[in-house]
C-alpha atoms as a PDB file:
ATOM      1  CA  MET A   1     -25.973 -31.362   2.280  1.00  0.00           C
ATOM      2  CA  ARG A   2     -22.247 -30.759   2.695  1.00  0.00           C
ATOM      3  CA  SER A   3     -21.805 -30.592  -1.073  1.00  0.00           C
ATOM      4  CA  GLN A   4     -24.517 -27.937  -1.318  1.00  0.00           C
ATOM      5  CA  VAL A   5     -22.803 -25.742   1.327  1.00  0.00           C
ATOM      6  CA  SER A   6     -19.453 -26.164  -0.407  1.00  0.00           C
ATOM      7  CA  ASN A   7     -20.973 -25.190  -3.783  1.00  0.00           C
ATOM      8  CA  GLU A   8     -22.587 -22.078  -2.251  1.00  0.00           C
ATOM      9  CA  GLN A   9     -19.271 -21.030  -0.691  1.00  0.00           C
ATOM     10  CA  THR A  10     -17.475 -21.547  -3.988  1.00  0.00           C
ATOM     11  CA  ALA A  11     -20.114 -19.565  -5.865  1.00  0.00           C
ATOM     12  CA  ASN A  12     -19.838 -16.644  -3.429  1.00  0.00           C
ATOM     13  CA  ARG A  13     -16.032 -16.575  -3.441  1.00  0.00           C
ATOM     14  CA  PRO A  14     -14.433 -14.299  -6.065  1.00  0.00           C
ATOM     15  CA  SER A  15     -12.436 -16.020  -8.781  1.00  0.00           C
ATOM     16  CA  LEU A  16      -8.690 -16.422  -8.446  1.00  0.00           C
ATOM     17  CA  LEU A  17      -8.175 -13.775 -11.101  1.00  0.00           C
ATOM     18  CA  MET A  18     -10.295 -11.250  -9.149  1.00  0.00           C
ATOM     19  CA  ARG A  19      -8.482 -12.026  -5.879  1.00  0.00           C
ATOM     20  CA  VAL A  20      -5.112 -11.520  -7.578  1.00  0.00           C
ATOM     21  CA  TRP A  21      -6.290  -8.276  -9.230  1.00  0.00           C
ATOM     22  CA  LYS A  22      -7.435  -6.862  -5.868  1.00  0.00           C
ATOM     23  CA  ASN A  23      -3.849  -7.022  -4.603  1.00  0.00           C
ATOM     24  CA  TRP A  24      -2.085  -3.635  -4.782  1.00  0.00           C
ATOM     25  CA  ALA A  25       1.117  -5.219  -6.123  1.00  0.00           C
ATOM     26  CA  THR A  26      -0.682  -6.778  -9.108  1.00  0.00           C
ATOM     27  CA  ARG A  27      -2.358  -3.510 -10.042  1.00  0.00           C
ATOM     28  CA  SER A  28       0.873  -1.565  -9.613  1.00  0.00           C
ATOM     29  CA  LEU A  29       2.804  -4.036 -11.782  1.00  0.00           C
ATOM     30  CA  ALA A  30       0.108  -3.801 -14.493  1.00  0.00           C
ATOM     31  CA  ILE A  31       0.360   0.000 -14.362  1.00  0.00           C
ATOM     32  CA  GLY A  32       4.131  -0.338 -14.589  1.00  0.00           C
ATOM     33  CA  ALA A  33       3.754  -2.490 -17.708  1.00  0.00           C
ATOM     34  CA  GLY A  34       1.606   0.218 -19.315  1.00  0.00           C
ATOM     35  CA  ALA A  35       4.158   2.847 -18.318  1.00  0.00           C
ATOM     36  CA  THR A  36       6.905   0.740 -19.873  1.00  0.00           C
ATOM     37  CA  VAL A  37       5.048   0.609 -23.195  1.00  0.00           C
ATOM     38  CA  LEU A  38       4.614   4.401 -23.100  1.00  0.00           C
ATOM     39  CA  ASP A  39       8.275   4.791 -22.146  1.00  0.00           C
ATOM     40  CA  LEU A  40       9.456   2.568 -25.013  1.00  0.00           C
ATOM     41  CA  VAL A  41       7.271   4.282 -27.612  1.00  0.00           C
ATOM     42  CA  VAL A  42       8.456   7.764 -26.587  1.00  0.00           C
ATOM     43  CA  GLY A  43      12.115   6.749 -26.211  1.00  0.00           C
ATOM     44  CA  THR A  44      12.261   4.818 -29.468  1.00  0.00           C
ATOM     45  CA  THR A  45      10.555   7.648 -31.353  1.00  0.00           C
ATOM     46  CA  MET A  46      13.037  10.166 -29.959  1.00  0.00           C
ATOM     47  CA  LEU A  47      15.989   7.919 -30.735  1.00  0.00           C
ATOM     48  CA  VAL A  48      15.011   6.684 -34.213  1.00  0.00           C
ATOM     49  CA  ALA A  49      12.855   9.468 -35.660  1.00  0.00           C
ATOM     50  CA  LEU A  50      14.424  12.510 -33.988  1.00  0.00           C
ATOM     51  CA  HIS A  51      17.998  11.107 -33.721  1.00  0.00           C
ATOM     52  CA  LEU A  52      18.421  12.347 -30.151  1.00  0.00           C
ATOM     53  CA  PRO A  53      21.177  10.953 -27.901  1.00  0.00           C
ATOM     54  CA  THR A  54      20.466   7.706 -26.057  1.00  0.00           C
ATOM     55  CA  ARG A  55      20.522   9.342 -22.617  1.00  0.00           C
ATOM     56  CA  ALA A  56      17.966  12.013 -23.598  1.00  0.00           C
ATOM     57  CA  ALA A  57      15.667   9.456 -25.229  1.00  0.00           C
ATOM     58  CA  ALA A  58      15.867   7.064 -22.275  1.00  0.00           C
ATOM     59  CA  MET A  59      15.347   9.728 -19.630  1.00  0.00           C
ATOM     60  CA  THR A  60      12.469  11.475 -21.460  1.00  0.00           C
ATOM     61  CA  GLY A  61      10.614   8.209 -21.959  1.00  0.00           C
ATOM     62  CA  THR A  62      11.228   7.308 -18.341  1.00  0.00           C
ATOM     63  CA  VAL A  63       9.967  10.652 -17.019  1.00  0.00           C
ATOM     64  CA  LEU A  64       6.758  10.468 -19.082  1.00  0.00           C
ATOM     65  CA  GLY A  65       6.243   6.861 -18.044  1.00  0.00           C
ATOM     66  CA  ALA A  66       6.840   7.871 -14.425  1.00  0.00           C
ATOM     67  CA  ALA A  67       4.223  10.631 -14.620  1.00  0.00           C
ATOM     68  CA  PHE A  68       1.719   8.071 -15.870  1.00  0.00           C
ATOM     69  CA  THR A  69       2.822   5.683 -13.096  1.00  0.00           C
ATOM     70  CA  PHE A  70       2.261   8.257 -10.345  1.00  0.00           C
ATOM     71  CA  VAL A  71      -1.220   9.259 -11.471  1.00  0.00           C
ATOM     72  CA  ALA A  72      -2.410   5.707 -12.171  1.00  0.00           C
ATOM     73  CA  ASN A  73      -0.911   4.221  -8.993  1.00  0.00           C
ATOM     74  CA  ARG A  74      -2.396   6.935  -6.808  1.00  0.00           C
ATOM     75  CA  ARG A  75      -5.817   6.423  -8.371  1.00  0.00           C
ATOM     76  CA  PHE A  76      -5.985   2.649  -8.903  1.00  0.00           C
ATOM     77  CA  ALA A  77      -3.300   0.668  -7.081  1.00  0.00           C
ATOM     78  CA  PHE A  78      -2.890   2.570  -3.820  1.00  0.00           C
ATOM     79  CA  SER A  79      -6.310   4.089  -3.290  1.00  0.00           C
ATOM     80  CA  ASP A  80      -6.276   2.526   0.209  1.00  0.00           C
ATOM     81  CA  SER A  81      -3.642   5.045   1.289  1.00  0.00           C
ATOM     82  CA  GLY A  82      -6.449   7.589   1.628  1.00  0.00           C
ATOM     83  CA  THR A  83      -5.281  10.929   2.935  1.00  0.00           C
ATOM     84  CA  GLN A  84      -2.230   9.537   4.734  1.00  0.00           C
ATOM     85  CA  LEU A  85      -0.030  11.939   2.732  1.00  0.00           C
ATOM     86  CA  THR A  86      -1.132  14.999   0.818  1.00  0.00           C
ATOM     87  CA  LEU A  87      -0.866  15.018  -2.953  1.00  0.00           C
ATOM     88  CA  SER A  88       2.114  17.368  -2.793  1.00  0.00           C
ATOM     89  CA  ARG A  89       4.013  15.221  -0.254  1.00  0.00           C
ATOM     90  CA  SER A  90       3.355  12.048  -2.245  1.00  0.00           C
ATOM     91  CA  LEU A  91       4.410  13.816  -5.429  1.00  0.00           C
ATOM     92  CA  LEU A  92       7.629  15.106  -3.842  1.00  0.00           C
ATOM     93  CA  ARG A  93       8.527  11.668  -2.531  1.00  0.00           C
ATOM     94  CA  PHE A  94       7.713  10.102  -5.887  1.00  0.00           C
ATOM     95  CA  ALA A  95       9.734  12.742  -7.772  1.00  0.00           C
ATOM     96  CA  ALA A  96      12.793  12.253  -5.561  1.00  0.00           C
ATOM     97  CA  ALA A  97      12.697   8.473  -5.907  1.00  0.00           C
ATOM     98  CA  THR A  98      12.047   8.664  -9.662  1.00  0.00           C
ATOM     99  CA  LEU A  99      14.795  11.231 -10.263  1.00  0.00           C
ATOM    100  CA  PHE A 100      17.359   9.005  -8.576  1.00  0.00           C
ATOM    101  CA  ALA A 101      16.074   5.893 -10.376  1.00  0.00           C
ATOM    102  CA  SER A 102      16.032   7.720 -13.735  1.00  0.00           C
ATOM    103  CA  VAL A 103      19.684   8.688 -13.443  1.00  0.00           C
ATOM    104  CA  VAL A 104      20.653   5.111 -12.551  1.00  0.00           C
ATOM    105  CA  HIS A 105      18.348   3.756 -15.266  1.00  0.00           C
ATOM    106  CA  GLY A 106      19.632   6.152 -17.952  1.00  0.00           C
ATOM    107  CA  GLN A 107      23.235   5.316 -17.152  1.00  0.00           C
ATOM    108  CA  LEU A 108      22.502   1.604 -17.280  1.00  0.00           C
ATOM    109  CA  VAL A 109      20.855   1.967 -20.728  1.00  0.00           C
ATOM    110  CA  VAL A 110      23.857   3.983 -21.995  1.00  0.00           C
ATOM    111  CA  TRP A 111      26.263   1.409 -20.589  1.00  0.00           C
ATOM    112  CA  LEU A 112      24.392  -1.523 -22.178  1.00  0.00           C
ATOM    113  CA  ARG A 113      23.788   0.177 -25.556  1.00  0.00           C
ATOM    114  CA  ASP A 114      26.864   2.323 -26.110  1.00  0.00           C
ATOM    115  CA  THR A 115      29.485   0.188 -24.353  1.00  0.00           C
ATOM    116  CA  PHE A 116      28.278  -3.343 -25.111  1.00  0.00           C
ATOM    117  CA  GLY A 117      26.245  -2.729 -28.287  1.00  0.00           C
ATOM    118  CA  VAL A 118      22.993  -4.118 -26.907  1.00  0.00           C
ATOM    119  CA  PRO A 119      20.091  -2.730 -28.976  1.00  0.00           C
ATOM    120  CA  TYR A 120      18.020   0.023 -27.378  1.00  0.00           C
ATOM    121  CA  VAL A 121      14.795  -1.879 -26.600  1.00  0.00           C
ATOM    122  CA  PRO A 122      16.514  -4.848 -24.878  1.00  0.00           C
ATOM    123  CA  SER A 123      18.730  -2.366 -22.987  1.00  0.00           C
ATOM    124  CA  LYS A 124      15.620  -0.506 -21.804  1.00  0.00           C
ATOM    125  CA  ILE A 125      13.815  -3.693 -20.789  1.00  0.00           C
ATOM    126  CA  VAL A 126      16.774  -5.017 -18.798  1.00  0.00           C
ATOM    127  CA  SER A 127      17.204  -1.624 -17.128  1.00  0.00           C
ATOM    128  CA  ASP A 128      13.478  -1.364 -16.372  1.00  0.00           C
ATOM    129  CA  VAL A 129      13.432  -4.766 -14.705  1.00  0.00           C
ATOM    130  CA  LEU A 130      16.551  -4.049 -12.664  1.00  0.00           C
ATOM    131  CA  VAL A 131      15.613  -0.532 -11.557  1.00  0.00           C
ATOM    132  CA  PHE A 132      11.842  -0.158 -11.690  1.00  0.00           C
ATOM    133  CA  THR A 133      10.317  -3.501 -10.741  1.00  0.00           C
ATOM    134  CA  LEU A 134      10.989  -4.625  -7.187  1.00  0.00           C
ATOM    135  CA  GLY A 135      12.692  -1.479  -5.875  1.00  0.00           C
ATOM    136  CA  GLN A 136      10.020   0.888  -7.093  1.00  0.00           C
ATOM    137  CA  LEU A 137       7.221  -1.394  -5.912  1.00  0.00           C
ATOM    138  CA  VAL A 138       8.579  -1.276  -2.360  1.00  0.00           C
ATOM    139  CA  LEU A 139       9.095   2.504  -2.523  1.00  0.00           C
ATOM    140  CA  LEU A 140       5.580   3.084  -3.812  1.00  0.00           C
ATOM    141  CA  ARG A 141       3.894   1.017  -1.097  1.00  0.00           C
ATOM    142  CA  TYR A 142       5.926   2.085   1.924  1.00  0.00           C
ATOM    143  CA  VAL A 143       7.231   5.581   1.100  1.00  0.00           C
ATOM    144  CA  VAL A 144       5.110   7.283  -1.550  1.00  0.00           C
ATOM    145  CA  PHE A 145       1.663   5.794  -0.829  1.00  0.00           C
ATOM    146  CA  PRO A 146       1.860   4.322   2.683  1.00  0.00           C
ATOM    147  CA  ARG A 147      -1.171   2.701   4.236  1.00  0.00           C
ATOM    148  CA  PRO A 148      -2.879   4.766   6.925  1.00  0.00           C
ATOM    149  CA  LYS A 149      -1.429   4.172  10.354  1.00  0.00           C
ATOM    150  CA  THR A 150      -3.711   2.643  12.926  1.00  0.00           C
ATOM    151  CA  PRO A 151      -4.767   5.202  15.535  1.00  0.00           C
ATOM    152  CA  ALA A 152      -2.498   5.297  18.554  1.00  0.00           C
ATOM    153  CA  VAL A 153      -3.874   4.295  21.916  1.00  0.00           C
ATOM    154  CA  THR A 154      -4.261   7.349  24.102  1.00  0.00           C
ATOM    155  CA  MET A 155      -4.095   7.494  27.862  1.00  0.00           C
ATOM    156  CA  ALA A 156      -7.675   8.767  28.001  1.00  0.00           C
ATOM    157  CA  GLN A 157      -8.971   5.649  26.235  1.00  0.00           C
ATOM    158  CA  PRO A 158      -6.794   2.653  27.053  1.00  0.00           C
ATOM    159  CA  ALA A 159      -7.223  -0.385  24.870  1.00  0.00           C
ATOM    160  CA  ARG A 160      -9.078  -3.297  26.410  1.00  0.00           C
ATOM    161  CA  LEU A 161      -7.528  -6.650  25.847  1.00  0.00           C
ATOM    162  CA  SER A 162     -10.365  -8.532  27.506  1.00  0.00           C
ATOM    163  CA  ALA A 163     -13.917  -8.050  28.670  1.00  0.00           C
ATOM    164  CA  PRO A 164     -14.380  -5.649  31.596  1.00  0.00           C
ATOM    165  CA  ARG A 165     -14.238  -7.291  35.013  1.00  0.00           C
ATOM    166  CA  PRO A 166     -17.501  -7.416  36.942  1.00  0.00           C
ATOM    167  CA  ARG A 167     -17.645  -5.231  40.034  1.00  0.00           C
ATOM    168  CA  PRO A 168     -17.797  -7.056  43.333  1.00  0.00           C
ATOM    169  CA  ALA A 169     -21.281  -7.223  44.810  1.00  0.00           C
ATOM    170  CA  ARG A 170     -22.015  -4.908  47.717  1.00  0.00           C
ATOM    171  CA  PRO A 171     -22.845  -6.578  50.986  1.00  0.00           C
ATOM    172  CA  VAL A 172     -26.531  -6.670  51.685  1.00  0.00           C
ATOM    173  CA  VAL A 173     -27.553  -5.258  55.039  1.00  0.00           C
ATOM    174  CA  VAL A 174     -30.856  -6.524  56.337  1.00  0.00           C
ATOM    175  CA  GLN A 175     -32.801  -4.022  58.369  1.00  0.00           C
ATOM    176  CA  PRO A 176     -34.907  -5.546  61.098  1.00  0.00           C
ATOM    177  CA  SER A 177     -38.562  -4.710  61.068  1.00  0.00           C
ATOM    178  CA  ALA A 178     -40.061  -2.609  63.829  1.00  0.00           C
ATOM    179  CA  SER A 179     -41.796  -5.636  65.332  1.00  0.00           C
ATOM    180  CA  GLU A 180     -38.552  -7.618  65.750  1.00  0.00           C
ATOM    181  CA  PRO A 181     -36.495  -7.081  68.830  1.00  0.00           C
ATOM    182  CA  LEU A 182     -32.948  -5.875  68.278  1.00  0.00           C
ATOM    183  CA  SER A 183     -30.297  -8.290  69.330  1.00  0.00           C
ATOM    184  CA  ALA A 184     -26.775  -7.303  70.174  1.00  0.00           C
ATOM    185  CA  HIS A 185     -25.533  -8.669  66.923  1.00  0.00           C
ATOM    186  CA  SER A 186     -28.095  -6.918  64.717  1.00  0.00           C
ATOM    187  CA  HIS A 187     -27.503  -3.695  66.664  1.00  0.00           C
ATOM    188  CA  ALA A 188     -23.803  -3.824  65.777  1.00  0.00           C
ATOM    189  CA  LEU A 189     -24.604  -4.114  62.083  1.00  0.00           C
ATOM    190  CA  ARG A 190     -26.619  -0.864  62.125  1.00  0.00           C
END
C-alpha cells in the first residue's frame, strides 16, 4: 500500500529537469547563453569581416545581445513580475544597467585582447562571465523585473494572526410567569 502511494506521488511530481527549468534563474541564464552566442556572432563578424576596432565590435555585439536579453527575460524568465513596473520603467532601468556594464565589459575585452594578446572570443567569454553572469542576474531579478510586492496591511483591514475570539455570552434573564409570585430577589433582577 505504501509503495503504491509513493509511486503515485512520484508520478505526479514534475521531473527534476522541469523543476529546474521553472526557476527564473535557470531560464534567465539560458537566455543569457543565447544572447552570448548572438553577441559573439555579431562581434566576430564586425571584427573579422568588417575590420572594425575591438571596442566597437565588442560593444555592438553586447548591445544587440542585451536587446535580445531584455525582450526574452521580460517574456519568459520574469513573467511573474506582472505589471510591477511599466515597460518603459523596466526598459530604462535595464538600459542604465546595461550601458554601465557594456562600458566595463568593452574595456575589459580591450584590456585582455589589446594589452595581453588574448584572442577575441576568449576575451569576450571571460568578460561575459565576469560582468554579465551573477551581477546582471541579481539586477534583473531585483531592479529591472522585481516581483510584485505583497499588499500592505491597511488600518481599515488589520491582518488577523489568529482566529477571531468568541464574544462572551450575554447573561440570561429569566422572566417569572404571571402565575408565580415575585420574590424580593426576582424583583431586583427586573
